[in-house]
PDB file of N, CA and C in Angstrom:
ATOM      1  N   MET A   1      98.711  66.927  88.208  1.00  0.00           N
ATOM      2  CA  MET A   1      97.767  66.180  89.014  1.00  0.00           C
ATOM      3  C   MET A   1      98.265  64.744  89.174  1.00  0.00           C
ATOM      4  N   THR A   2      97.713  64.064  90.144  1.00  0.00           N
ATOM      5  CA  THR A   2      98.133  62.697  90.416  1.00  0.00           C
ATOM      6  C   THR A   2      96.922  61.773  90.490  1.00  0.00           C
ATOM      7  N   ASP A   3      97.171  60.517  90.202  1.00  0.00           N
ATOM      8  CA  ASP A   3      96.122  59.509  90.347  1.00  0.00           C
ATOM      9  C   ASP A   3      96.174  58.852  91.717  1.00  0.00           C
ATOM     10  N   LEU A   4      97.156  59.213  92.520  1.00  0.00           N
ATOM     11  CA  LEU A   4      97.271  58.632  93.854  1.00  0.00           C
ATOM     12  C   LEU A   4      96.105  59.074  94.719  1.00  0.00           C
ATOM     13  N   PRO A   5      95.536  58.159  95.485  1.00  0.00           N
ATOM     14  CA  PRO A   5      94.489  58.580  96.415  1.00  0.00           C
ATOM     15  C   PRO A   5      95.080  59.495  97.483  1.00  0.00           C
ATOM     16  N   LEU A   6      94.259  60.368  98.019  1.00  0.00           N
ATOM     17  CA  LEU A   6      94.727  61.312  99.036  1.00  0.00           C
ATOM     18  C   LEU A   6      95.130  60.593 100.320  1.00  0.00           C
ATOM     19  N   GLU A   7      94.473  59.479 100.628  1.00  0.00           N
ATOM     20  CA  GLU A   7      94.818  58.711 101.826  1.00  0.00           C
ATOM     21  C   GLU A   7      95.452  57.388 101.430  1.00  0.00           C
ATOM     22  N   ILE A   8      96.404  56.955 102.247  1.00  0.00           N
ATOM     23  CA  ILE A   8      97.067  55.673 102.046  1.00  0.00           C
ATOM     24  C   ILE A   8      96.870  54.847 103.321  1.00  0.00           C
ATOM     25  N   PRO A   9      96.452  53.587 103.183  1.00  0.00           N
ATOM     26  CA  PRO A   9      96.312  52.733 104.371  1.00  0.00           C
ATOM     27  C   PRO A   9      97.668  52.577 105.087  1.00  0.00           C
ATOM     28  N   VAL A  10      97.616  52.453 106.380  1.00  0.00           N
ATOM     29  CA  VAL A  10      98.838  52.391 107.183  1.00  0.00           C
ATOM     30  C   VAL A  10      99.727  51.209 106.765  1.00  0.00           C
ATOM     31  N   THR A  11      99.133  50.083 106.412  1.00  0.00           N
ATOM     32  CA  THR A  11      99.948  48.931 106.000  1.00  0.00           C
ATOM     33  C   THR A  11     100.635  49.193 104.659  1.00  0.00           C
ATOM     34  N   ASP A  12      99.964  49.909 103.761  1.00  0.00           N
ATOM     35  CA  ASP A  12     100.589  50.286 102.486  1.00  0.00           C
ATOM     36  C   ASP A  12     101.709  51.295 102.715  1.00  0.00           C
ATOM     37  N   ALA A  13     101.505  52.210 103.659  1.00  0.00           N
ATOM     38  CA  ALA A  13     102.550  53.183 103.993  1.00  0.00           C
ATOM     39  C   ALA A  13     103.785  52.457 104.526  1.00  0.00           C
ATOM     40  N   ALA A  14     103.573  51.481 105.401  1.00  0.00           N
ATOM     41  CA  ALA A  14     104.694  50.717 105.956  1.00  0.00           C
ATOM     42  C   ALA A  14     105.449  49.988 104.849  1.00  0.00           C
ATOM     43  N   ALA A  15     104.728  49.402 103.914  1.00  0.00           N
ATOM     44  CA  ALA A  15     105.362  48.697 102.797  1.00  0.00           C
ATOM     45  C   ALA A  15     106.168  49.673 101.940  1.00  0.00           C
ATOM     46  N   ALA A  16     105.611  50.847 101.678  1.00  0.00           N
ATOM     47  CA  ALA A  16     106.316  51.848 100.880  1.00  0.00           C
ATOM     48  C   ALA A  16     107.600  52.291 101.569  1.00  0.00           C
ATOM     49  N   LEU A  17     107.552  52.448 102.890  1.00  0.00           N
ATOM     50  CA  LEU A  17     108.729  52.876 103.641  1.00  0.00           C
ATOM     51  C   LEU A  17     109.830  51.820 103.649  1.00  0.00           C
ATOM     52  N   ARG A  18     109.458  50.557 103.444  1.00  0.00           N
ATOM     53  CA  ARG A  18     110.454  49.477 103.374  1.00  0.00           C
ATOM     54  C   ARG A  18     110.961  49.272 101.949  1.00  0.00           C
ATOM     55  N   GLY A  19     110.388  49.981 100.988  1.00  0.00           N
ATOM     56  CA  GLY A  19     110.732  49.800  99.583  1.00  0.00           C
ATOM     57  C   GLY A  19     112.094  50.367  99.218  1.00  0.00           C
ATOM     58  N   SER A  20     112.458  50.165  97.956  1.00  0.00           N
ATOM     59  CA  SER A  20     113.771  50.601  97.480  1.00  0.00           C
ATOM     60  C   SER A  20     113.870  52.114  97.331  1.00  0.00           C
ATOM     61  N   ALA A  21     112.748  52.788  97.147  1.00  0.00           N
ATOM     62  CA  ALA A  21     112.734  54.254  97.050  1.00  0.00           C
ATOM     63  C   ALA A  21     111.688  54.777  98.033  1.00  0.00           C
ATOM     64  N   PRO A  22     112.014  54.751  99.327  1.00  0.00           N
ATOM     65  CA  PRO A  22     111.010  55.121 100.329  1.00  0.00           C
ATOM     66  C   PRO A  22     110.586  56.585 100.209  1.00  0.00           C
ATOM     67  N   PRO A  23     109.323  56.852 100.507  1.00  0.00           N
ATOM     68  CA  PRO A  23     108.831  58.229 100.484  1.00  0.00           C
ATOM     69  C   PRO A  23     109.355  59.010 101.686  1.00  0.00           C
ATOM     70  N   LEU A  24     109.214  60.316 101.619  1.00  0.00           N
ATOM     71  CA  LEU A  24     109.473  61.158 102.777  1.00  0.00           C
ATOM     72  C   LEU A  24     108.305  60.946 103.739  1.00  0.00           C
ATOM     73  N   LEU A  25     108.603  60.655 104.987  1.00  0.00           N
ATOM     74  CA  LEU A  25     107.568  60.516 106.013  1.00  0.00           C
ATOM     75  C   LEU A  25     107.551  61.807 106.816  1.00  0.00           C
ATOM     76  N   LEU A  26     106.461  62.540 106.720  1.00  0.00           N
ATOM     77  CA  LEU A  26     106.328  63.843 107.358  1.00  0.00           C
ATOM     78  C   LEU A  26     105.362  63.757 108.531  1.00  0.00           C
ATOM     79  N   ASP A  27     105.861  64.053 109.718  1.00  0.00           N
ATOM     80  CA  ASP A  27     105.062  64.057 110.942  1.00  0.00           C
ATOM     81  C   ASP A  27     104.570  65.484 111.162  1.00  0.00           C
ATOM     82  N   CYS A  28     103.259  65.689 111.134  1.00  0.00           N
ATOM     83  CA  CYS A  28     102.722  67.041 111.282  1.00  0.00           C
ATOM     84  C   CYS A  28     102.159  67.297 112.679  1.00  0.00           C
ATOM     85  N   ARG A  29     102.513  66.440 113.637  1.00  0.00           N
ATOM     86  CA  ARG A  29     102.044  66.614 115.014  1.00  0.00           C
ATOM     87  C   ARG A  29     102.904  67.650 115.744  1.00  0.00           C
ATOM     88  N   THR A  30     102.591  67.875 117.003  1.00  0.00           N
ATOM     89  CA  THR A  30     103.358  68.821 117.814  1.00  0.00           C
ATOM     90  C   THR A  30     104.662  68.171 118.280  1.00  0.00           C
ATOM     91  N   PRO A  31     105.654  68.974 118.663  1.00  0.00           N
ATOM     92  CA  PRO A  31     106.894  68.397 119.202  1.00  0.00           C
ATOM     93  C   PRO A  31     106.638  67.499 120.414  1.00  0.00           C
ATOM     94  N   GLU A  32     105.672  67.861 121.238  1.00  0.00           N
ATOM     95  CA  GLU A  32     105.359  67.057 122.419  1.00  0.00           C
ATOM     96  C   GLU A  32     104.824  65.677 122.015  1.00  0.00           C
ATOM     97  N   GLU A  33     103.954  65.648 121.029  1.00  0.00           N
ATOM     98  CA  GLU A  33     103.431  64.373 120.544  1.00  0.00           C
ATOM     99  C   GLU A  33     104.549  63.537 119.924  1.00  0.00           C
ATOM    100  N   HIS A  34     105.408  64.195 119.160  1.00  0.00           N
ATOM    101  CA  HIS A  34     106.529  63.505 118.516  1.00  0.00           C
ATOM    102  C   HIS A  34     107.448  62.885 119.570  1.00  0.00           C
ATOM    103  N   GLN A  35     107.644  63.598 120.666  1.00  0.00           N
ATOM    104  CA  GLN A  35     108.488  63.087 121.754  1.00  0.00           C
ATOM    105  C   GLN A  35     107.846  61.860 122.403  1.00  0.00           C
ATOM    106  N   THR A  36     106.527  61.840 122.503  1.00  0.00           N
ATOM    107  CA  THR A  36     105.794  60.732 123.135  1.00  0.00           C
ATOM    108  C   THR A  36     105.866  59.461 122.305  1.00  0.00           C
ATOM    109  N   ALA A  37     105.671  59.603 120.989  1.00  0.00           N
ATOM    110  CA  ALA A  37     105.642  58.439 120.093  1.00  0.00           C
ATOM    111  C   ALA A  37     106.056  58.895 118.707  1.00  0.00           C
ATOM    112  N   ARG A  38     106.939  58.140 118.073  1.00  0.00           N
ATOM    113  CA  ARG A  38     107.370  58.524 116.727  1.00  0.00           C
ATOM    114  C   ARG A  38     107.719  57.306 115.897  1.00  0.00           C
ATOM    115  N   ILE A  39     107.678  57.523 114.593  1.00  0.00           N
ATOM    116  CA  ILE A  39     108.069  56.504 113.637  1.00  0.00           C
ATOM    117  C   ILE A  39     109.478  56.851 113.177  1.00  0.00           C
ATOM    118  N   ALA A  40     110.368  55.880 113.238  1.00  0.00           N
ATOM    119  CA  ALA A  40     111.759  56.121 112.870  1.00  0.00           C
ATOM    120  C   ALA A  40     111.855  56.725 111.467  1.00  0.00           C
ATOM    121  N   GLY A  41     112.664  57.760 111.357  1.00  0.00           N
ATOM    122  CA  GLY A  41     112.906  58.393 110.071  1.00  0.00           C
ATOM    123  C   GLY A  41     111.946  59.511 109.713  1.00  0.00           C
ATOM    124  N   ALA A  42     110.910  59.710 110.511  1.00  0.00           N
ATOM    125  CA  ALA A  42     109.941  60.769 110.209  1.00  0.00           C
ATOM    126  C   ALA A  42     110.555  62.147 110.434  1.00  0.00           C
ATOM    127  N   VAL A  43     110.229  63.066 109.546  1.00  0.00           N
ATOM    128  CA  VAL A  43     110.654  64.458 109.659  1.00  0.00           C
ATOM    129  C   VAL A  43     109.511  65.223 110.320  1.00  0.00           C
ATOM    130  N   LEU A  44     109.817  65.920 111.408  1.00  0.00           N
ATOM    131  CA  LEU A  44     108.792  66.662 112.139  1.00  0.00           C
ATOM    132  C   LEU A  44     108.689  68.093 111.616  1.00  0.00           C
ATOM    133  N   ILE A  45     107.536  68.401 111.051  1.00  0.00           N
ATOM    134  CA  ILE A  45     107.168  69.788 110.737  1.00  0.00           C
ATOM    135  C   ILE A  45     105.722  69.937 111.196  1.00  0.00           C
ATOM    136  N   PRO A  46     105.518  70.504 112.395  1.00  0.00           N
ATOM    137  CA  PRO A  46     104.160  70.642 112.913  1.00  0.00           C
ATOM    138  C   PRO A  46     103.250  71.401 111.935  1.00  0.00           C
ATOM    139  N   MET A  47     102.003  70.990 111.881  1.00  0.00           N
ATOM    140  CA  MET A  47     101.042  71.576 110.945  1.00  0.00           C
ATOM    141  C   MET A  47     101.038  73.101 111.018  1.00  0.00           C
ATOM    142  N   GLN A  48     101.048  73.643 112.228  1.00  0.00           N
ATOM    143  CA  GLN A  48     100.963  75.094 112.370  1.00  0.00           C
ATOM    144  C   GLN A  48     102.231  75.806 111.890  1.00  0.00           C
ATOM    145  N   GLU A  49     103.340  75.097 111.749  1.00  0.00           N
ATOM    146  CA  GLU A  49     104.586  75.694 111.276  1.00  0.00           C
ATOM    147  C   GLU A  49     104.804  75.496 109.775  1.00  0.00           C
ATOM    148  N   LEU A  50     103.995  74.671 109.148  1.00  0.00           N
ATOM    149  CA  LEU A  50     104.226  74.318 107.750  1.00  0.00           C
ATOM    150  C   LEU A  50     104.273  75.516 106.800  1.00  0.00           C
ATOM    151  N   PRO A  51     103.363  76.492 106.912  1.00  0.00           N
ATOM    152  CA  PRO A  51     103.451  77.617 105.976  1.00  0.00           C
ATOM    153  C   PRO A  51     104.810  78.334 106.018  1.00  0.00           C
ATOM    154  N   GLU A  52     105.401  78.433 107.192  1.00  0.00           N
ATOM    155  CA  GLU A  52     106.700  79.095 107.320  1.00  0.00           C
ATOM    156  C   GLU A  52     107.867  78.173 106.951  1.00  0.00           C
ATOM    157  N   ARG A  53     107.633  76.858 107.001  1.00  0.00           N
ATOM    158  CA  ARG A  53     108.727  75.902 106.796  1.00  0.00           C
ATOM    159  C   ARG A  53     108.623  75.099 105.505  1.00  0.00           C
ATOM    160  N   VAL A  54     107.635  75.398 104.662  1.00  0.00           N
ATOM    161  CA  VAL A  54     107.439  74.625 103.438  1.00  0.00           C
ATOM    162  C   VAL A  54     108.677  74.667 102.538  1.00  0.00           C
ATOM    163  N   ALA A  55     109.480  75.710 102.640  1.00  0.00           N
ATOM    164  CA  ALA A  55     110.704  75.792 101.834  1.00  0.00           C
ATOM    165  C   ALA A  55     111.649  74.633 102.132  1.00  0.00           C
ATOM    166  N   GLU A  56     111.541  74.026 103.313  1.00  0.00           N
ATOM    167  CA  GLU A  56     112.374  72.872 103.659  1.00  0.00           C
ATOM    168  C   GLU A  56     112.059  71.675 102.767  1.00  0.00           C
ATOM    169  N   LEU A  57     110.905  71.712 102.104  1.00  0.00           N
ATOM    170  CA  LEU A  57     110.497  70.621 101.214  1.00  0.00           C
ATOM    171  C   LEU A  57     110.779  70.950  99.740  1.00  0.00           C
ATOM    172  N   ALA A  58     111.401  72.084  99.491  1.00  0.00           N
ATOM    173  CA  ALA A  58     111.695  72.493  98.114  1.00  0.00           C
ATOM    174  C   ALA A  58     112.469  71.391  97.397  1.00  0.00           C
ATOM    175  N   GLY A  59     112.108  71.172  96.146  1.00  0.00           N
ATOM    176  CA  GLY A  59     112.746  70.137  95.346  1.00  0.00           C
ATOM    177  C   GLY A  59     112.093  68.776  95.478  1.00  0.00           C
ATOM    178  N   GLN A  60     111.106  68.662  96.352  1.00  0.00           N
ATOM    179  CA  GLN A  60     110.435  67.381  96.567  1.00  0.00           C
ATOM    180  C   GLN A  60     109.000  67.394  96.049  1.00  0.00           C
ATOM    181  N   GLU A  61     108.691  68.367  95.192  1.00  0.00           N
ATOM    182  CA  GLU A  61     107.332  68.503  94.685  1.00  0.00           C
ATOM    183  C   GLU A  61     106.845  67.253  93.954  1.00  0.00           C
ATOM    184  N   ALA A  62     107.731  66.542  93.292  1.00  0.00           N
ATOM    185  CA  ALA A  62     107.337  65.332  92.554  1.00  0.00           C
ATOM    186  C   ALA A  62     107.616  64.053  93.349  1.00  0.00           C
ATOM    187  N   ALA A  63     108.142  64.200  94.553  1.00  0.00           N
ATOM    188  CA  ALA A  63     108.488  63.036  95.377  1.00  0.00           C
ATOM    189  C   ALA A  63     107.258  62.531  96.133  1.00  0.00           C
ATOM    190  N   SER A  64     107.300  61.268  96.491  1.00  0.00           N
ATOM    191  CA  SER A  64     106.248  60.696  97.338  1.00  0.00           C
ATOM    192  C   SER A  64     106.449  61.190  98.763  1.00  0.00           C
ATOM    193  N   ILE A  65     105.384  61.729  99.327  1.00  0.00           N
ATOM    194  CA  ILE A  65     105.397  62.221 100.710  1.00  0.00           C
ATOM    195  C   ILE A  65     104.202  61.601 101.418  1.00  0.00           C
ATOM    196  N   ILE A  66     104.468  60.944 102.532  1.00  0.00           N
ATOM    197  CA  ILE A  66     103.386  60.412 103.362  1.00  0.00           C
ATOM    198  C   ILE A  66     103.371  61.239 104.643  1.00  0.00           C
ATOM    199  N   VAL A  67     102.233  61.870 104.901  1.00  0.00           N
ATOM    200  CA  VAL A  67     102.065  62.725 106.075  1.00  0.00           C
ATOM    201  C   VAL A  67     101.304  61.937 107.131  1.00  0.00           C
ATOM    202  N   HIS A  68     101.764  62.048 108.381  1.00  0.00           N
ATOM    203  CA  HIS A  68     101.008  61.381 109.448  1.00  0.00           C
ATOM    204  C   HIS A  68     100.847  62.301 110.645  1.00  0.00           C
ATOM    205  N   CYS A  69      99.791  62.022 111.394  1.00  0.00           N
ATOM    206  CA  CYS A  69      99.518  62.723 112.644  1.00  0.00           C
ATOM    207  C   CYS A  69      99.074  61.672 113.664  1.00  0.00           C
ATOM    208  N   HIS A  70      98.217  62.044 114.595  1.00  0.00           N
ATOM    209  CA  HIS A  70      97.783  61.098 115.619  1.00  0.00           C
ATOM    210  C   HIS A  70      96.731  60.120 115.083  1.00  0.00           C
ATOM    211  N   HIS A  71      95.650  60.649 114.486  1.00  0.00           N
ATOM    212  CA  HIS A  71      94.567  59.791 113.994  1.00  0.00           C
ATOM    213  C   HIS A  71      94.264  59.954 112.500  1.00  0.00           C
ATOM    214  N   GLY A  72      94.892  60.913 111.847  1.00  0.00           N
ATOM    215  CA  GLY A  72      94.711  61.067 110.406  1.00  0.00           C
ATOM    216  C   GLY A  72      93.961  62.292 109.948  1.00  0.00           C
ATOM    217  N   MET A  73      93.454  63.100 110.853  1.00  0.00           N
ATOM    218  CA  MET A  73      92.696  64.292 110.442  1.00  0.00           C
ATOM    219  C   MET A  73      93.630  65.444 110.053  1.00  0.00           C
ATOM    220  N   ARG A  74      94.599  65.752 110.899  1.00  0.00           N
ATOM    221  CA  ARG A  74      95.541  66.834 110.559  1.00  0.00           C
ATOM    222  C   ARG A  74      96.338  66.478 109.316  1.00  0.00           C
ATOM    223  N   SER A  75      96.762  65.224 109.217  1.00  0.00           N
ATOM    224  CA  SER A  75      97.569  64.826 108.060  1.00  0.00           C
ATOM    225  C   SER A  75      96.765  64.923 106.765  1.00  0.00           C
ATOM    226  N   LEU A  76      95.468  64.690 106.840  1.00  0.00           N
ATOM    227  CA  LEU A  76      94.616  64.846 105.655  1.00  0.00           C
ATOM    228  C   LEU A  76      94.599  66.305 105.214  1.00  0.00           C
ATOM    229  N   ARG A  77      94.493  67.208 106.162  1.00  0.00           N
ATOM    230  CA  ARG A  77      94.522  68.642 105.849  1.00  0.00           C
ATOM    231  C   ARG A  77      95.886  69.038 105.280  1.00  0.00           C
ATOM    232  N   VAL A  78      96.957  68.532 105.888  1.00  0.00           N
ATOM    233  CA  VAL A  78      98.303  68.873 105.424  1.00  0.00           C
ATOM    234  C   VAL A  78      98.561  68.313 104.029  1.00  0.00           C
ATOM    235  N   ALA A  79      98.168  67.075 103.782  1.00  0.00           N
ATOM    236  CA  ALA A  79      98.377  66.484 102.456  1.00  0.00           C
ATOM    237  C   ALA A  79      97.615  67.271 101.392  1.00  0.00           C
ATOM    238  N   THR A  80      96.398  67.691 101.702  1.00  0.00           N
ATOM    239  CA  THR A  80      95.616  68.503 100.776  1.00  0.00           C
ATOM    240  C   THR A  80      96.306  69.837 100.535  1.00  0.00           C
ATOM    241  N   TRP A  81      96.776  70.468 101.602  1.00  0.00           N
ATOM    242  CA  TRP A  81      97.487  71.750 101.513  1.00  0.00           C
ATOM    243  C   TRP A  81      98.723  71.605 100.641  1.00  0.00           C
ATOM    244  N   LEU A  82      99.488  70.522 100.854  1.00  0.00           N
ATOM    245  CA  LEU A  82     100.694  70.297 100.054  1.00  0.00           C
ATOM    246  C   LEU A  82     100.348  70.087  98.578  1.00  0.00           C
ATOM    247  N   ARG A  83      99.324  69.297  98.309  1.00  0.00           N
ATOM    248  CA  ARG A  83      98.917  69.068  96.914  1.00  0.00           C
ATOM    249  C   ARG A  83      98.514  70.380  96.244  1.00  0.00           C
ATOM    250  N   ASP A  84      97.839  71.238  96.987  1.00  0.00           N
ATOM    251  CA  ASP A  84      97.432  72.538  96.443  1.00  0.00           C
ATOM    252  C   ASP A  84      98.639  73.407  96.096  1.00  0.00           C
ATOM    253  N   ARG A  85      99.796  73.080  96.656  1.00  0.00           N
ATOM    254  CA  ARG A  85     101.016  73.841  96.417  1.00  0.00           C
ATOM    255  C   ARG A  85     102.009  73.099  95.524  1.00  0.00           C
ATOM    256  N   GLY A  86     101.530  72.076  94.830  1.00  0.00           N
ATOM    257  CA  GLY A  86     102.357  71.406  93.831  1.00  0.00           C
ATOM    258  C   GLY A  86     103.032  70.121  94.265  1.00  0.00           C
ATOM    259  N   PHE A  87     102.837  69.695  95.499  1.00  0.00           N
ATOM    260  CA  PHE A  87     103.401  68.433  95.967  1.00  0.00           C
ATOM    261  C   PHE A  87     102.396  67.337  95.584  1.00  0.00           C
ATOM    262  N   THR A  88     102.472  66.914  94.334  1.00  0.00           N
ATOM    263  CA  THR A  88     101.411  66.110  93.723  1.00  0.00           C
ATOM    264  C   THR A  88     101.271  64.705  94.285  1.00  0.00           C
ATOM    265  N   LYS A  89     102.304  64.204  94.957  1.00  0.00           N
ATOM    266  CA  LYS A  89     102.238  62.838  95.482  1.00  0.00           C
ATOM    267  C   LYS A  89     102.101  62.801  97.001  1.00  0.00           C
ATOM    268  N   ALA A  90     101.680  63.913  97.604  1.00  0.00           N
ATOM    269  CA  ALA A  90     101.470  63.937  99.054  1.00  0.00           C
ATOM    270  C   ALA A  90     100.240  63.096  99.391  1.00  0.00           C
ATOM    271  N   GLN A  91     100.375  62.262 100.408  1.00  0.00           N
ATOM    272  CA  GLN A  91      99.273  61.423 100.873  1.00  0.00           C
ATOM    273  C   GLN A  91      99.211  61.460 102.393  1.00  0.00           C
ATOM    274  N   SER A  92      98.030  61.269 102.912  1.00  0.00           N
ATOM    275  CA  SER A  92      97.800  61.192 104.345  1.00  0.00           C
ATOM    276  C   SER A  92      97.732  59.727 104.761  1.00  0.00           C
ATOM    277  N   MET A  93      98.442  59.382 105.828  1.00  0.00           N
ATOM    278  CA  MET A  93      98.402  58.018 106.338  1.00  0.00           C
ATOM    279  C   MET A  93      97.123  57.848 107.162  1.00  0.00           C
ATOM    280  N   ALA A  94      96.192  57.081 106.625  1.00  0.00           N
ATOM    281  CA  ALA A  94      94.893  56.872 107.270  1.00  0.00           C
ATOM    282  C   ALA A  94      95.072  56.249 108.654  1.00  0.00           C
ATOM    283  N   GLY A  95      94.435  56.848 109.635  1.00  0.00           N
ATOM    284  CA  GLY A  95      94.506  56.313 110.994  1.00  0.00           C
ATOM    285  C   GLY A  95      95.679  56.816 111.816  1.00  0.00           C
ATOM    286  N   GLY A  96      96.633  57.472 111.162  1.00  0.00           N
ATOM    287  CA  GLY A  96      97.760  58.079 111.862  1.00  0.00           C
ATOM    288  C   GLY A  96      98.644  57.104 112.624  1.00  0.00           C
ATOM    289  N   ILE A  97      99.412  57.676 113.540  1.00  0.00           N
ATOM    290  CA  ILE A  97     100.363  56.871 114.313  1.00  0.00           C
ATOM    291  C   ILE A  97      99.619  55.907 115.242  1.00  0.00           C
ATOM    292  N   ASP A  98      98.373  56.223 115.555  1.00  0.00           N
ATOM    293  CA  ASP A  98      97.569  55.322 116.379  1.00  0.00           C
ATOM    294  C   ASP A  98      97.357  53.998 115.633  1.00  0.00           C
ATOM    295  N   ALA A  99      96.981  54.088 114.360  1.00  0.00           N
ATOM    296  CA  ALA A  99      96.807  52.879 113.538  1.00  0.00           C
ATOM    297  C   ALA A  99      98.142  52.183 113.312  1.00  0.00           C
ATOM    298  N   TRP A 100      99.216  52.957 113.167  1.00  0.00           N
ATOM    299  CA  TRP A 100     100.560  52.389 113.011  1.00  0.00           C
ATOM    300  C   TRP A 100     100.880  51.503 114.217  1.00  0.00           C
ATOM    301  N   SER A 101     100.586  52.003 115.410  1.00  0.00           N
ATOM    302  CA  SER A 101     100.834  51.232 116.641  1.00  0.00           C
ATOM    303  C   SER A 101     100.037  49.939 116.659  1.00  0.00           C
ATOM    304  N   GLU A 102      98.810  49.983 116.150  1.00  0.00           N
ATOM    305  CA  GLU A 102      97.939  48.808 116.165  1.00  0.00           C
ATOM    306  C   GLU A 102      98.268  47.807 115.068  1.00  0.00           C
ATOM    307  N   GLN A 103      98.599  48.295 113.870  1.00  0.00           N
ATOM    308  CA  GLN A 103      98.689  47.406 112.704  1.00  0.00           C
ATOM    309  C   GLN A 103     100.099  47.139 112.210  1.00  0.00           C
ATOM    310  N   VAL A 104     101.067  47.993 112.574  1.00  0.00           N
ATOM    311  CA  VAL A 104     102.408  47.853 112.018  1.00  0.00           C
ATOM    312  C   VAL A 104     103.465  47.602 113.085  1.00  0.00           C
ATOM    313  N   ASP A 105     103.524  48.478 114.094  1.00  0.00           N
ATOM    314  CA  ASP A 105     104.594  48.400 115.087  1.00  0.00           C
ATOM    315  C   ASP A 105     104.046  48.645 116.487  1.00  0.00           C
ATOM    316  N   PRO A 106     103.719  47.569 117.213  1.00  0.00           N
ATOM    317  CA  PRO A 106     103.136  47.748 118.557  1.00  0.00           C
ATOM    318  C   PRO A 106     104.122  48.295 119.582  1.00  0.00           C
ATOM    319  N   THR A 107     105.396  48.441 119.216  1.00  0.00           N
ATOM    320  CA  THR A 107     106.342  49.050 120.147  1.00  0.00           C
ATOM    321  C   THR A 107     106.211  50.577 120.177  1.00  0.00           C
ATOM    322  N   VAL A 108     105.519  51.145 119.188  1.00  0.00           N
ATOM    323  CA  VAL A 108     105.265  52.597 119.188  1.00  0.00           C
ATOM    324  C   VAL A 108     104.146  52.851 120.204  1.00  0.00           C
ATOM    325  N   PRO A 109     104.425  53.688 121.212  1.00  0.00           N
ATOM    326  CA  PRO A 109     103.426  53.918 122.254  1.00  0.00           C
ATOM    327  C   PRO A 109     102.144  54.539 121.721  1.00  0.00           C
ATOM    328  N   LYS A 110     101.031  54.128 122.314  1.00  0.00           N
ATOM    329  CA  LYS A 110      99.739  54.755 122.021  1.00  0.00           C
ATOM    330  C   LYS A 110      99.490  55.799 123.098  1.00  0.00           C
ATOM    331  N   TYR A 111      98.864  56.881 122.700  1.00  0.00           N
ATOM    332  CA  TYR A 111      98.552  57.939 123.677  1.00  0.00           C
ATOM    333  C   TYR A 111      97.210  58.542 123.373  1.00  0.00           C
TER     334      TYR A 111
END
């Protein structure tokens, strides 16, 4: 189990990504959404494909993973799903890429 909150504020996520040991940034949106707007370095595994592709995350069960989507609802479900499968440090980025555009990087398009 982890003491990390399930959600991480977007500004804290940005700080973590700039840190010396950045977390894995997992984009759980659709390929079309990812094409429209993305955060550099994010790995795209759409929510609906995760059950078939979770093996791609093997070995990262103890690693910090920040999941993001458009507004934070899908990523909350994905982070919970990952935690239920042993990824104890999975967190959802509150507000999603929409909040990222507003609070961290206004060059990321809003849609």
